[in-house]
Amino acid sequence: MEKSLNEKVLTKVDDIVSYIQNSSNYQKFKQIEKKMQKNEEIVQKIERIKSLQKQMVKLEVEKKDISKLQEEVDEILRELNAIPIYQEYNYLLEDLNNTFQEIKTIIENYINDKLA
């Protein structure tokens, strides 16, 4: 029985996902992510930022000033960005996002060229 179009596409997508998962940058990213999850200082700062962001959204809906909360978020981000493992995490995250964007563009261009 012939595979459906959906199955064929998903097989190709699985190939792309495997390619990404086997890349050295992805492997390094996952290792650093695990290390960061064990770093209480980083976890607390990230949780604090999330909490402040939730408060900011509520205040924005109520059309209230969020500048004090934004200043606190900015300060915590400065502190996080001074931590080498967090810097490396962000660098690798950006690199992976660029890879995802590049794959998306390649697929879009390929499809557009084939359909033109």
Protein backbone atom coordinates (compact mmCIF):
# COMPACT_ATOMS: atom_id res chain seq x y z
CA MET A 1 0.00 0.00 0.00
CA GLU A 2 1.36 3.41 -0.95
CA LYS A 3 2.10 5.91 1.78
CA SER A 4 -0.24 8.86 2.03
CA LEU A 5 1.07 12.33 1.29
CA ASN A 6 0.88 13.14 4.99
CA GLU A 7 3.04 10.12 5.89
CA LYS A 8 5.58 11.02 3.21
CA VAL A 9 5.85 14.59 4.42
CA LEU A 10 6.14 13.52 8.05
CA THR A 11 8.91 11.08 7.11
CA LYS A 12 10.86 13.94 5.56
CA VAL A 13 10.17 16.15 8.56
CA ASP A 14 11.47 13.35 10.81
CA ASP A 15 14.67 13.37 8.75
CA ILE A 16 15.05 17.10 9.32
CA VAL A 17 14.36 16.74 13.05
CA SER A 18 16.96 13.96 13.28
CA TYR A 19 19.46 16.16 11.48
CA ILE A 20 18.88 18.95 14.01
CA GLN A 21 18.93 16.63 17.03
CA ASN A 22 22.22 15.11 15.91
CA SER A 23 23.90 18.45 15.32
CA SER A 24 26.65 19.42 17.73
CA ASN A 25 25.00 22.76 18.53
CA TYR A 26 21.75 21.07 19.51
CA GLN A 27 23.58 18.53 21.67
CA LYS A 28 25.56 21.29 23.38
CA PHE A 29 22.37 23.34 23.83
CA LYS A 30 20.62 20.44 25.58
CA GLN A 31 23.63 19.89 27.89
CA ILE A 32 23.74 23.54 28.86
CA GLU A 33 19.98 23.60 29.34
CA LYS A 34 20.28 20.73 31.86
CA LYS A 35 23.11 22.51 33.69
CA MET A 36 21.08 25.70 33.88
CA GLN A 37 18.09 23.83 35.31
CA LYS A 38 20.36 22.69 38.15
CA ASN A 39 21.66 26.20 38.81
CA GLU A 40 19.40 27.62 41.51
CA GLU A 41 20.50 31.22 40.92
CA ILE A 42 19.59 31.08 37.23
CA VAL A 43 16.31 29.25 37.87
CA GLN A 44 15.26 31.81 40.50
CA LYS A 45 16.10 34.75 38.24
CA ILE A 46 14.17 33.26 35.33
CA GLU A 47 11.18 32.51 37.55
CA ARG A 48 11.28 36.06 38.91
CA ILE A 49 11.29 37.46 35.38
CA LYS A 50 8.30 35.29 34.44
CA SER A 51 6.42 36.48 37.51
CA LEU A 52 7.20 40.12 36.75
CA GLN A 53 6.14 39.68 33.13
CA LYS A 54 2.77 38.28 34.25
CA GLN A 55 2.31 41.27 36.53
CA MET A 56 3.24 43.60 33.68
CA VAL A 57 0.64 42.07 31.38
CA LYS A 58 -2.05 42.53 34.03
CA LEU A 59 -1.01 46.14 34.58
CA GLU A 60 -0.93 46.84 30.85
CA VAL A 61 -4.49 45.53 30.51
CA GLU A 62 -5.47 47.90 33.30
CA LYS A 63 -3.53 50.68 31.53
CA LYS A 64 -1.24 51.16 34.54
CA ASP A 65 2.44 52.07 34.67
CA ILE A 66 4.82 49.12 34.27
CA SER A 67 8.08 51.07 34.27
CA LYS A 68 9.20 49.94 37.75
CA LEU A 69 8.58 46.31 36.88
CA GLN A 70 10.36 46.73 33.55
CA GLU A 71 13.37 48.21 35.34
CA GLU A 72 13.49 45.17 37.63
CA VAL A 73 13.24 42.80 34.66
CA ASP A 74 16.03 44.69 32.90
CA GLU A 75 18.24 44.48 35.98
CA ILE A 76 17.68 40.73 36.36
CA LEU A 77 18.43 40.26 32.66
CA ARG A 78 21.69 42.18 33.08
CA GLU A 79 22.58 39.87 35.96
CA LEU A 80 21.69 36.78 33.93
CA ASN A 81 23.67 38.01 30.93
CA ALA A 82 26.73 38.28 33.16
CA ILE A 83 26.62 34.52 33.83
CA PRO A 84 28.79 32.67 31.26
CA ILE A 85 26.58 29.57 31.00
CA TYR A 86 23.53 31.77 30.37
CA GLN A 87 25.46 33.67 27.70
CA GLU A 88 26.37 30.42 25.97
CA TYR A 89 22.78 29.19 26.25
CA ASN A 90 21.50 32.34 24.55
CA TYR A 91 24.14 32.13 21.84
CA LEU A 92 23.23 28.52 21.06
CA LEU A 93 19.50 29.28 21.23
CA GLU A 94 19.96 32.08 18.70
CA ASP A 95 22.04 29.79 16.49
CA LEU A 96 19.35 27.09 16.59
CA ASN A 97 16.63 29.61 15.84
CA ASN A 98 18.66 30.78 12.84
CA THR A 99 18.97 27.16 11.71
CA PHE A 100 15.19 26.70 12.00
CA GLN A 101 14.62 29.89 10.03
CA GLU A 102 17.08 28.78 7.37
CA ILE A 103 15.36 25.40 7.04
CA LYS A 104 11.98 27.13 6.78
CA THR A 105 13.31 29.46 4.06
CA ILE A 106 14.89 26.58 2.12
CA ILE A 107 11.62 24.63 2.19
CA GLU A 108 9.55 27.67 1.20
CA ASN A 109 11.90 28.55 -1.67
CA TYR A 110 12.01 24.95 -2.86
CA ILE A 111 8.23 24.68 -2.89
CA ASN A 112 7.81 28.07 -4.57
CA ASP A 113 10.39 27.14 -7.25
CA LYS A 114 8.66 23.82 -7.92
CA LEU A 115 5.23 25.41 -8.14
CA ALA A 116 6.36 28.32 -10.33
